[in-house]
Amino acid sequence: MNTQGDLKIKIFLLLFILSCGIKKDRFYTEVYTFDLQRMPLIKPYELITPRVSDSTTEVHSWHLKLFQPQPKSYVHHLNISHVNVSKNIIYGHGQDGRTNFPNYWFIIIPNKNLEKTFNKEEEWKSYLTSVEINSDMTVSVWILFEQFKNNSTLPWYNPDKNIYP
């Protein structure tokens, strides 16, 4: 009777059964979903753009879905060009699809259910200053996406360094 062999088999089966019941949250690791490229911000916020064969081609804009109703606005998503996450706050600016320059800025604080857009950069900077965030720290979404696609990390998400939003 090989009790050590039986014990190893039982331990293996137990670990296998336990691992089957664990559902891994892929929100912070999944780069592609269907025909979209995606990049996580703070759950449930993510940036998405149509998937193209050459992801360095910046022909598509990145979209950020808003979950809170915007007063006096029909805005349900933003086209984003630059973004960052710091102190559990998502912030950045975007472009109207009809122009080539930033024309609105935004701040999202998920744990407070706050989604705020600004038409004036000065107001946005003032708000960020009030929560001790440097507005100059936004990064091109395409640069961030390349980092995420190649390394599975972002400035606000890096499990190897224990960095989580």
N, C-alpha and C. Protein backbone atom coordinates (compact mmCIF):
# COMPACT_ATOMS: atom_id res chain seq x y z
N MET A 1 0.85 -1.19 0.00
CA MET A 1 0.00 0.00 0.00
C MET A 1 0.89 1.25 0.00
N ASN A 2 0.72 2.11 -0.97
CA ASN A 2 1.54 3.31 -1.14
C ASN A 2 0.78 4.51 -0.60
N THR A 3 0.92 4.80 0.69
CA THR A 3 0.16 5.88 1.31
C THR A 3 0.67 7.25 0.92
N GLN A 4 1.98 7.37 0.68
CA GLN A 4 2.52 8.67 0.23
C GLN A 4 2.00 9.02 -1.15
N GLY A 5 1.95 8.05 -2.03
CA GLY A 5 1.42 8.27 -3.38
C GLY A 5 -0.05 8.63 -3.34
N ASP A 6 -0.81 7.94 -2.48
CA ASP A 6 -2.23 8.24 -2.33
C ASP A 6 -2.45 9.64 -1.78
N LEU A 7 -1.60 10.03 -0.84
CA LEU A 7 -1.71 11.37 -0.25
C LEU A 7 -1.43 12.44 -1.30
N LYS A 8 -0.42 12.22 -2.13
CA LYS A 8 -0.10 13.18 -3.19
C LYS A 8 -1.25 13.32 -4.17
N ILE A 9 -1.86 12.20 -4.51
CA ILE A 9 -3.00 12.24 -5.44
C ILE A 9 -4.17 12.99 -4.80
N LYS A 10 -4.44 12.74 -3.53
CA LYS A 10 -5.55 13.42 -2.85
C LYS A 10 -5.29 14.93 -2.76
N ILE A 11 -4.06 15.31 -2.46
CA ILE A 11 -3.72 16.75 -2.40
C ILE A 11 -3.88 17.38 -3.76
N PHE A 12 -3.40 16.71 -4.81
CA PHE A 12 -3.54 17.23 -6.17
C PHE A 12 -5.00 17.41 -6.54
N LEU A 13 -5.83 16.39 -6.26
CA LEU A 13 -7.25 16.49 -6.58
C LEU A 13 -7.93 17.61 -5.79
N LEU A 14 -7.57 17.75 -4.53
CA LEU A 14 -8.14 18.82 -3.71
C LEU A 14 -7.79 20.19 -4.29
N LEU A 15 -6.52 20.40 -4.63
CA LEU A 15 -6.10 21.68 -5.21
C LEU A 15 -6.78 21.92 -6.55
N PHE A 16 -6.93 20.88 -7.35
CA PHE A 16 -7.60 21.02 -8.64
C PHE A 16 -9.06 21.42 -8.45
N ILE A 17 -9.74 20.77 -7.54
CA ILE A 17 -11.16 21.08 -7.28
C ILE A 17 -11.30 22.51 -6.75
N LEU A 18 -10.42 22.91 -5.84
CA LEU A 18 -10.48 24.27 -5.30
C LEU A 18 -10.21 25.31 -6.38
N SER A 19 -9.28 25.03 -7.26
CA SER A 19 -8.95 26.01 -8.31
C SER A 19 -10.08 26.14 -9.33
N CYS A 20 -10.87 25.12 -9.51
CA CYS A 20 -11.99 25.20 -10.45
C CYS A 20 -13.06 26.17 -9.96
N GLY A 21 -13.20 26.30 -8.65
CA GLY A 21 -14.22 27.17 -8.09
C GLY A 21 -13.82 28.63 -8.04
N ILE A 22 -12.54 28.93 -8.29
CA ILE A 22 -12.06 30.31 -8.21
C ILE A 22 -12.27 30.98 -9.55
N LYS A 23 -13.02 32.05 -9.53
CA LYS A 23 -13.22 32.83 -10.75
C LYS A 23 -12.26 34.00 -10.73
N LYS A 24 -11.38 34.04 -11.70
CA LYS A 24 -10.38 35.10 -11.77
C LYS A 24 -11.01 36.33 -12.41
N ASP A 25 -10.88 37.45 -11.76
CA ASP A 25 -11.38 38.71 -12.30
C ASP A 25 -10.39 39.22 -13.33
N ARG A 26 -10.81 39.24 -14.58
CA ARG A 26 -9.90 39.63 -15.67
C ARG A 26 -10.01 41.10 -16.01
N PHE A 27 -10.72 41.87 -15.19
CA PHE A 27 -10.91 43.28 -15.51
C PHE A 27 -9.58 44.00 -15.70
N TYR A 28 -8.61 43.74 -14.84
CA TYR A 28 -7.34 44.45 -14.90
C TYR A 28 -6.29 43.74 -15.77
N THR A 29 -6.65 42.63 -16.41
CA THR A 29 -5.66 41.91 -17.21
C THR A 29 -6.06 41.72 -18.67
N GLU A 30 -7.33 41.81 -18.98
CA GLU A 30 -7.80 41.55 -20.33
C GLU A 30 -7.53 42.75 -21.25
N VAL A 31 -6.79 42.49 -22.34
CA VAL A 31 -6.43 43.53 -23.29
C VAL A 31 -7.46 43.63 -24.41
N TYR A 32 -7.99 42.49 -24.82
CA TYR A 32 -8.95 42.46 -25.93
C TYR A 32 -10.24 41.81 -25.48
N THR A 33 -11.35 42.33 -26.00
CA THR A 33 -12.64 41.71 -25.79
C THR A 33 -13.41 41.85 -27.08
N PHE A 34 -13.80 40.73 -27.64
CA PHE A 34 -14.47 40.68 -28.94
C PHE A 34 -13.64 41.45 -29.96
N ASP A 35 -14.21 42.49 -30.56
CA ASP A 35 -13.49 43.25 -31.57
C ASP A 35 -13.00 44.60 -31.02
N LEU A 36 -12.78 44.65 -29.72
CA LEU A 36 -12.34 45.89 -29.08
C LEU A 36 -11.00 45.71 -28.38
N GLN A 37 -10.22 46.78 -28.36
CA GLN A 37 -9.06 46.88 -27.49
C GLN A 37 -9.55 47.59 -26.24
N ARG A 38 -9.02 47.23 -25.10
CA ARG A 38 -9.49 47.85 -23.87
C ARG A 38 -8.34 48.09 -22.92
N MET A 39 -8.56 49.05 -22.03
CA MET A 39 -7.57 49.36 -21.01
C MET A 39 -8.32 49.72 -19.73
N PRO A 40 -8.03 49.04 -18.62
CA PRO A 40 -8.75 49.30 -17.37
C PRO A 40 -8.28 50.58 -16.70
N LEU A 41 -9.21 51.24 -16.06
CA LEU A 41 -8.90 52.41 -15.22
C LEU A 41 -9.14 51.96 -13.78
N ILE A 42 -10.28 52.35 -13.21
CA ILE A 42 -10.73 51.81 -11.92
C ILE A 42 -12.06 51.14 -12.19
N LYS A 43 -12.20 49.91 -11.75
CA LYS A 43 -13.41 49.15 -12.03
C LYS A 43 -14.65 49.92 -11.60
N PRO A 44 -15.65 50.08 -12.44
CA PRO A 44 -15.93 49.47 -13.72
C PRO A 44 -15.48 50.32 -14.93
N TYR A 45 -14.71 51.36 -14.70
CA TYR A 45 -14.33 52.27 -15.78
C TYR A 45 -13.19 51.69 -16.61
N GLU A 46 -13.36 51.76 -17.91
CA GLU A 46 -12.35 51.28 -18.84
C GLU A 46 -12.41 52.12 -20.11
N LEU A 47 -11.32 52.13 -20.83
CA LEU A 47 -11.28 52.77 -22.12
C LEU A 47 -11.36 51.68 -23.18
N ILE A 48 -12.14 51.94 -24.24
CA ILE A 48 -12.25 50.97 -25.32
C ILE A 48 -12.11 51.68 -26.66
N THR A 49 -11.63 50.94 -27.64
CA THR A 49 -11.52 51.43 -29.01
C THR A 49 -11.62 50.23 -29.93
N PRO A 50 -12.06 50.42 -31.18
CA PRO A 50 -12.10 49.28 -32.11
C PRO A 50 -10.72 48.66 -32.27
N ARG A 51 -10.70 47.35 -32.36
CA ARG A 51 -9.45 46.61 -32.52
C ARG A 51 -9.00 46.71 -33.98
N VAL A 52 -7.77 47.10 -34.17
CA VAL A 52 -7.19 47.18 -35.51
C VAL A 52 -5.95 46.29 -35.54
N SER A 53 -5.56 45.89 -36.74
CA SER A 53 -4.43 44.97 -36.84
C SER A 53 -3.13 45.62 -36.37
N ASP A 54 -3.00 46.92 -36.55
CA ASP A 54 -1.80 47.62 -36.09
C ASP A 54 -2.23 48.58 -34.99
N SER A 55 -2.08 48.16 -33.73
CA SER A 55 -2.59 48.96 -32.61
C SER A 55 -1.84 50.26 -32.41
N THR A 56 -0.72 50.44 -33.11
CA THR A 56 0.00 51.71 -32.97
C THR A 56 -0.61 52.77 -33.88
N THR A 57 -1.50 52.35 -34.75
CA THR A 57 -2.17 53.30 -35.63
C THR A 57 -3.23 54.04 -34.82
N GLU A 58 -3.04 55.32 -34.65
CA GLU A 58 -3.94 56.11 -33.80
C GLU A 58 -5.10 56.69 -34.61
N VAL A 59 -5.81 55.81 -35.32
CA VAL A 59 -6.90 56.28 -36.16
C VAL A 59 -8.23 56.30 -35.42
N HIS A 60 -8.32 55.57 -34.34
CA HIS A 60 -9.56 55.50 -33.57
C HIS A 60 -9.38 56.23 -32.25
N SER A 61 -10.46 56.79 -31.77
CA SER A 61 -10.39 57.42 -30.46
C SER A 61 -10.76 56.40 -29.39
N TRP A 62 -10.33 56.67 -28.18
CA TRP A 62 -10.64 55.82 -27.04
C TRP A 62 -11.88 56.39 -26.35
N HIS A 63 -12.81 55.51 -26.00
CA HIS A 63 -14.08 55.93 -25.40
C HIS A 63 -14.14 55.49 -23.94
N LEU A 64 -14.68 56.39 -23.13
CA LEU A 64 -14.90 56.13 -21.72
C LEU A 64 -16.39 56.29 -21.45
N LYS A 65 -17.03 55.19 -21.03
CA LYS A 65 -18.46 55.22 -20.73
C LYS A 65 -18.67 55.83 -19.36
N LEU A 66 -19.65 56.72 -19.28
CA LEU A 66 -20.04 57.32 -17.99
C LEU A 66 -21.26 56.58 -17.45
N PHE A 67 -21.32 56.44 -16.15
CA PHE A 67 -22.42 55.70 -15.52
C PHE A 67 -23.40 56.61 -14.81
N GLN A 68 -22.99 57.82 -14.44
CA GLN A 68 -23.85 58.75 -13.71
C GLN A 68 -24.50 59.72 -14.71
N PRO A 69 -25.77 60.06 -14.50
CA PRO A 69 -26.40 61.05 -15.39
C PRO A 69 -25.69 62.40 -15.28
N GLN A 70 -25.43 63.01 -16.41
CA GLN A 70 -24.77 64.30 -16.44
C GLN A 70 -25.81 65.42 -16.47
N PRO A 71 -25.78 66.33 -15.49
CA PRO A 71 -26.76 67.41 -15.49
C PRO A 71 -26.61 68.29 -16.73
N LYS A 72 -27.74 68.65 -17.31
CA LYS A 72 -27.78 69.55 -18.47
C LYS A 72 -26.94 69.01 -19.64
N SER A 73 -26.88 67.69 -19.78
CA SER A 73 -26.05 67.12 -20.83
C SER A 73 -26.60 65.77 -21.24
N TYR A 74 -26.36 65.43 -22.49
CA TYR A 74 -26.73 64.11 -22.98
C TYR A 74 -25.48 63.25 -23.16
N VAL A 75 -24.40 63.62 -22.50
CA VAL A 75 -23.14 62.91 -22.64
C VAL A 75 -23.21 61.58 -21.88
N HIS A 76 -22.94 60.49 -22.60
CA HIS A 76 -22.90 59.17 -21.98
C HIS A 76 -21.53 58.53 -22.10
N HIS A 77 -20.69 59.11 -22.95
CA HIS A 77 -19.31 58.64 -23.06
C HIS A 77 -18.44 59.81 -23.51
N LEU A 78 -17.15 59.67 -23.24
CA LEU A 78 -16.18 60.71 -23.62
C LEU A 78 -15.15 60.10 -24.55
N ASN A 79 -14.68 60.87 -25.50
CA ASN A 79 -13.54 60.48 -26.33
C ASN A 79 -12.29 60.98 -25.60
N ILE A 80 -11.41 60.06 -25.25
CA ILE A 80 -10.28 60.39 -24.37
C ILE A 80 -8.96 60.38 -25.15
N SER A 81 -8.14 61.38 -24.91
CA SER A 81 -6.81 61.41 -25.52
C SER A 81 -5.70 61.24 -24.48
N HIS A 82 -5.90 61.78 -23.27
CA HIS A 82 -4.91 61.69 -22.19
C HIS A 82 -5.63 61.37 -20.88
N VAL A 83 -5.00 60.54 -20.06
CA VAL A 83 -5.66 60.08 -18.83
C VAL A 83 -4.61 59.74 -17.78
N ASN A 84 -5.05 59.66 -16.54
CA ASN A 84 -4.22 59.14 -15.46
C ASN A 84 -5.15 58.72 -14.33
N VAL A 85 -4.60 57.93 -13.41
CA VAL A 85 -5.32 57.51 -12.21
C VAL A 85 -4.39 57.75 -11.04
N SER A 86 -4.89 58.47 -10.05
CA SER A 86 -4.10 58.74 -8.85
C SER A 86 -5.06 58.94 -7.69
N LYS A 87 -4.72 58.39 -6.54
CA LYS A 87 -5.53 58.55 -5.32
C LYS A 87 -6.98 58.14 -5.55
N ASN A 88 -7.19 57.07 -6.33
CA ASN A 88 -8.53 56.57 -6.67
C ASN A 88 -9.36 57.57 -7.44
N ILE A 89 -8.69 58.44 -8.19
CA ILE A 89 -9.37 59.42 -9.04
C ILE A 89 -8.89 59.23 -10.47
N ILE A 90 -9.85 59.15 -11.39
CA ILE A 90 -9.55 59.08 -12.82
C ILE A 90 -9.68 60.49 -13.36
N TYR A 91 -8.70 60.95 -14.10
CA TYR A 91 -8.78 62.31 -14.64
C TYR A 91 -8.05 62.39 -15.97
N GLY A 92 -8.44 63.36 -16.76
CA GLY A 92 -7.79 63.52 -18.05
C GLY A 92 -8.53 64.49 -18.92
N HIS A 93 -8.23 64.43 -20.20
CA HIS A 93 -8.96 65.27 -21.14
C HIS A 93 -9.16 64.53 -22.45
N GLY A 94 -10.05 65.08 -23.23
CA GLY A 94 -10.42 64.42 -24.47
C GLY A 94 -10.68 65.40 -25.58
N GLN A 95 -11.05 64.81 -26.68
CA GLN A 95 -11.28 65.59 -27.88
C GLN A 95 -12.66 65.30 -28.43
N ASP A 96 -13.28 66.31 -28.93
CA ASP A 96 -14.50 66.12 -29.68
C ASP A 96 -14.08 65.46 -30.98
N GLY A 97 -14.83 64.50 -31.44
CA GLY A 97 -14.48 63.79 -32.66
C GLY A 97 -14.34 64.67 -33.88
N ARG A 98 -14.85 65.89 -33.82
CA ARG A 98 -14.80 66.78 -34.99
C ARG A 98 -13.60 67.71 -34.97
N THR A 99 -12.78 67.66 -33.94
CA THR A 99 -11.67 68.60 -33.84
C THR A 99 -10.38 67.87 -33.52
N ASN A 100 -9.27 68.57 -33.57
CA ASN A 100 -7.97 67.96 -33.29
C ASN A 100 -7.31 68.51 -32.03
N PHE A 101 -8.05 69.16 -31.17
CA PHE A 101 -7.46 69.70 -29.95
C PHE A 101 -8.36 69.39 -28.77
N PRO A 102 -7.74 69.27 -27.58
CA PRO A 102 -8.55 68.97 -26.39
C PRO A 102 -9.58 70.06 -26.14
N ASN A 103 -10.81 69.66 -25.89
CA ASN A 103 -11.82 70.67 -25.64
C ASN A 103 -12.70 70.36 -24.43
N TYR A 104 -12.38 69.31 -23.68
CA TYR A 104 -13.05 69.11 -22.40
C TYR A 104 -12.14 68.29 -21.50
N TRP A 105 -12.38 68.41 -20.22
CA TRP A 105 -11.58 67.74 -19.19
C TRP A 105 -12.55 67.03 -18.27
N PHE A 106 -12.08 66.03 -17.58
CA PHE A 106 -12.99 65.26 -16.72
C PHE A 106 -12.28 64.76 -15.47
N ILE A 107 -13.10 64.48 -14.47
CA ILE A 107 -12.66 63.88 -13.22
C ILE A 107 -13.72 62.85 -12.82
N ILE A 108 -13.27 61.66 -12.45
CA ILE A 108 -14.18 60.61 -11.99
C ILE A 108 -13.65 60.07 -10.67
N ILE A 109 -14.51 60.07 -9.67
CA ILE A 109 -14.16 59.49 -8.38
C ILE A 109 -15.18 58.37 -8.13
N PRO A 110 -14.83 57.13 -8.53
CA PRO A 110 -15.81 56.04 -8.47
C PRO A 110 -16.39 55.78 -7.09
N ASN A 111 -15.58 55.84 -6.04
CA ASN A 111 -16.11 55.52 -4.70
C ASN A 111 -17.04 56.61 -4.16
N LYS A 112 -17.12 57.74 -4.85
CA LYS A 112 -18.08 58.80 -4.48
C LYS A 112 -19.17 58.97 -5.53
N ASN A 113 -19.18 58.07 -6.55
CA ASN A 113 -20.14 58.16 -7.66
C ASN A 113 -20.11 59.55 -8.31
N LEU A 114 -18.91 60.10 -8.44
CA LEU A 114 -18.76 61.44 -9.01
C LEU A 114 -18.14 61.34 -10.40
N GLU A 115 -18.83 61.91 -11.38
CA GLU A 115 -18.32 62.05 -12.73
C GLU A 115 -18.54 63.51 -13.11
N LYS A 116 -17.46 64.22 -13.32
CA LYS A 116 -17.58 65.66 -13.57
C LYS A 116 -16.80 66.01 -14.83
N THR A 117 -17.45 66.75 -15.71
CA THR A 117 -16.77 67.24 -16.91
C THR A 117 -16.64 68.75 -16.82
N PHE A 118 -15.59 69.26 -17.45
CA PHE A 118 -15.30 70.70 -17.42
C PHE A 118 -15.09 71.19 -18.85
N ASN A 119 -15.62 72.37 -19.12
CA ASN A 119 -15.39 73.00 -20.41
C ASN A 119 -14.15 73.89 -20.39
N LYS A 120 -13.71 74.23 -19.19
CA LYS A 120 -12.54 75.11 -19.05
C LYS A 120 -11.43 74.38 -18.29
N GLU A 121 -10.26 74.38 -18.89
CA GLU A 121 -9.12 73.70 -18.29
C GLU A 121 -8.77 74.27 -16.92
N GLU A 122 -8.94 75.58 -16.74
CA GLU A 122 -8.61 76.21 -15.46
C GLU A 122 -9.46 75.66 -14.32
N GLU A 123 -10.75 75.42 -14.58
CA GLU A 123 -11.65 74.87 -13.56
C GLU A 123 -11.23 73.44 -13.21
N TRP A 124 -10.86 72.67 -14.23
CA TRP A 124 -10.41 71.29 -14.03
C TRP A 124 -9.14 71.27 -13.18
N LYS A 125 -8.17 72.13 -13.54
CA LYS A 125 -6.91 72.20 -12.79
C LYS A 125 -7.17 72.62 -11.34
N SER A 126 -8.06 73.55 -11.14
CA SER A 126 -8.39 74.02 -9.80
C SER A 126 -8.97 72.88 -8.95
N TYR A 127 -9.86 72.09 -9.55
CA TYR A 127 -10.45 70.97 -8.84
C TYR A 127 -9.37 69.96 -8.47
N LEU A 128 -8.49 69.64 -9.42
CA LEU A 128 -7.42 68.68 -9.15
C LEU A 128 -6.49 69.20 -8.05
N THR A 129 -6.19 70.48 -8.08
CA THR A 129 -5.35 71.07 -7.03
C THR A 129 -6.01 70.91 -5.67
N SER A 130 -7.33 71.05 -5.62
CA SER A 130 -8.05 70.94 -4.34
C SER A 130 -7.98 69.52 -3.76
N VAL A 131 -7.74 68.52 -4.60
CA VAL A 131 -7.60 67.15 -4.11
C VAL A 131 -6.14 66.68 -4.21
N GLU A 132 -5.23 67.66 -4.34
CA GLU A 132 -3.78 67.44 -4.33
C GLU A 132 -3.30 66.50 -5.42
N ILE A 133 -3.77 66.75 -6.65
CA ILE A 133 -3.33 65.98 -7.82
C ILE A 133 -2.76 66.96 -8.83
N ASN A 134 -1.62 66.58 -9.41
CA ASN A 134 -0.95 67.41 -10.41
C ASN A 134 -1.60 67.17 -11.78
N SER A 135 -2.20 68.19 -12.34
CA SER A 135 -2.89 68.05 -13.62
C SER A 135 -1.94 67.81 -14.79
N ASP A 136 -0.65 68.06 -14.60
CA ASP A 136 0.31 67.85 -15.68
C ASP A 136 0.69 66.39 -15.85
N MET A 137 0.15 65.51 -15.05
CA MET A 137 0.57 64.11 -15.05
C MET A 137 -0.27 63.21 -15.95
N THR A 138 -1.06 63.75 -16.87
CA THR A 138 -1.81 62.88 -17.77
C THR A 138 -0.87 62.36 -18.86
N VAL A 139 -1.23 61.18 -19.39
CA VAL A 139 -0.40 60.50 -20.38
C VAL A 139 -1.26 60.13 -21.58
N SER A 140 -0.68 60.13 -22.76
CA SER A 140 -1.38 59.71 -23.97
C SER A 140 -1.94 58.30 -23.77
N VAL A 141 -3.19 58.12 -24.14
CA VAL A 141 -3.83 56.82 -24.00
C VAL A 141 -3.09 55.77 -24.83
N TRP A 142 -2.61 56.14 -26.01
CA TRP A 142 -1.91 55.17 -26.86
C TRP A 142 -0.61 54.70 -26.23
N ILE A 143 0.10 55.57 -25.54
CA ILE A 143 1.34 55.18 -24.85
C ILE A 143 1.00 54.22 -23.71
N LEU A 144 -0.04 54.53 -22.96
CA LEU A 144 -0.46 53.66 -21.87
C LEU A 144 -0.92 52.30 -22.39
N PHE A 145 -1.65 52.31 -23.50
CA PHE A 145 -2.13 51.04 -24.04
C PHE A 145 -0.97 50.14 -24.47
N GLU A 146 0.04 50.70 -25.09
CA GLU A 146 1.20 49.90 -25.48
C GLU A 146 1.85 49.27 -24.25
N GLN A 147 1.96 50.02 -23.17
CA GLN A 147 2.52 49.49 -21.92
C GLN A 147 1.65 48.35 -21.40
N PHE A 148 0.34 48.56 -21.41
CA PHE A 148 -0.59 47.55 -20.91
C PHE A 148 -0.55 46.30 -21.78
N LYS A 149 -0.57 46.49 -23.10
CA LYS A 149 -0.57 45.36 -24.04
C LYS A 149 0.72 44.54 -23.92
N ASN A 150 1.85 45.22 -23.81
CA ASN A 150 3.15 44.53 -23.80
C ASN A 150 3.56 43.98 -22.43
N ASN A 151 3.17 44.67 -21.36
CA ASN A 151 3.66 44.30 -20.02
C ASN A 151 2.56 43.93 -19.03
N SER A 152 1.30 44.09 -19.41
CA SER A 152 0.16 43.85 -18.52
C SER A 152 0.22 44.73 -17.27
N THR A 153 0.83 45.91 -17.40
CA THR A 153 0.90 46.84 -16.28
C THR A 153 0.50 48.24 -16.74
N LEU A 154 0.15 49.05 -15.78
CA LEU A 154 -0.15 50.47 -15.99
C LEU A 154 0.43 51.20 -14.79
N PRO A 155 0.59 52.52 -14.86
CA PRO A 155 1.12 53.24 -13.69
C PRO A 155 0.29 53.00 -12.43
N TRP A 156 -1.00 52.73 -12.58
CA TRP A 156 -1.88 52.51 -11.43
C TRP A 156 -2.21 51.03 -11.22
N TYR A 157 -1.64 50.14 -12.03
CA TYR A 157 -1.88 48.70 -11.85
C TYR A 157 -0.61 47.93 -12.20
N ASN A 158 0.02 47.35 -11.17
CA ASN A 158 1.20 46.53 -11.37
C ASN A 158 1.28 45.53 -10.21
N PRO A 159 0.71 44.34 -10.39
CA PRO A 159 0.68 43.37 -9.30
C PRO A 159 2.08 42.98 -8.79
N ASP A 160 3.07 42.98 -9.69
CA ASP A 160 4.43 42.62 -9.25
C ASP A 160 4.99 43.62 -8.24
N LYS A 161 4.53 44.87 -8.31
CA LYS A 161 4.99 45.89 -7.38
C LYS A 161 3.92 46.23 -6.34
N ASN A 162 2.86 45.41 -6.29
CA ASN A 162 1.76 45.59 -5.35
C ASN A 162 1.09 46.96 -5.51
N ILE A 163 0.91 47.37 -6.76
CA ILE A 163 0.25 48.64 -7.07
C ILE A 163 -1.14 48.32 -7.65
N TYR A 164 -2.17 48.76 -6.95
CA TYR A 164 -3.55 48.54 -7.37
C TYR A 164 -4.32 49.84 -7.22
N PRO A 165 -5.32 50.05 -8.09
CA PRO A 165 -6.12 51.28 -7.92
C PRO A 165 -6.95 51.26 -6.65
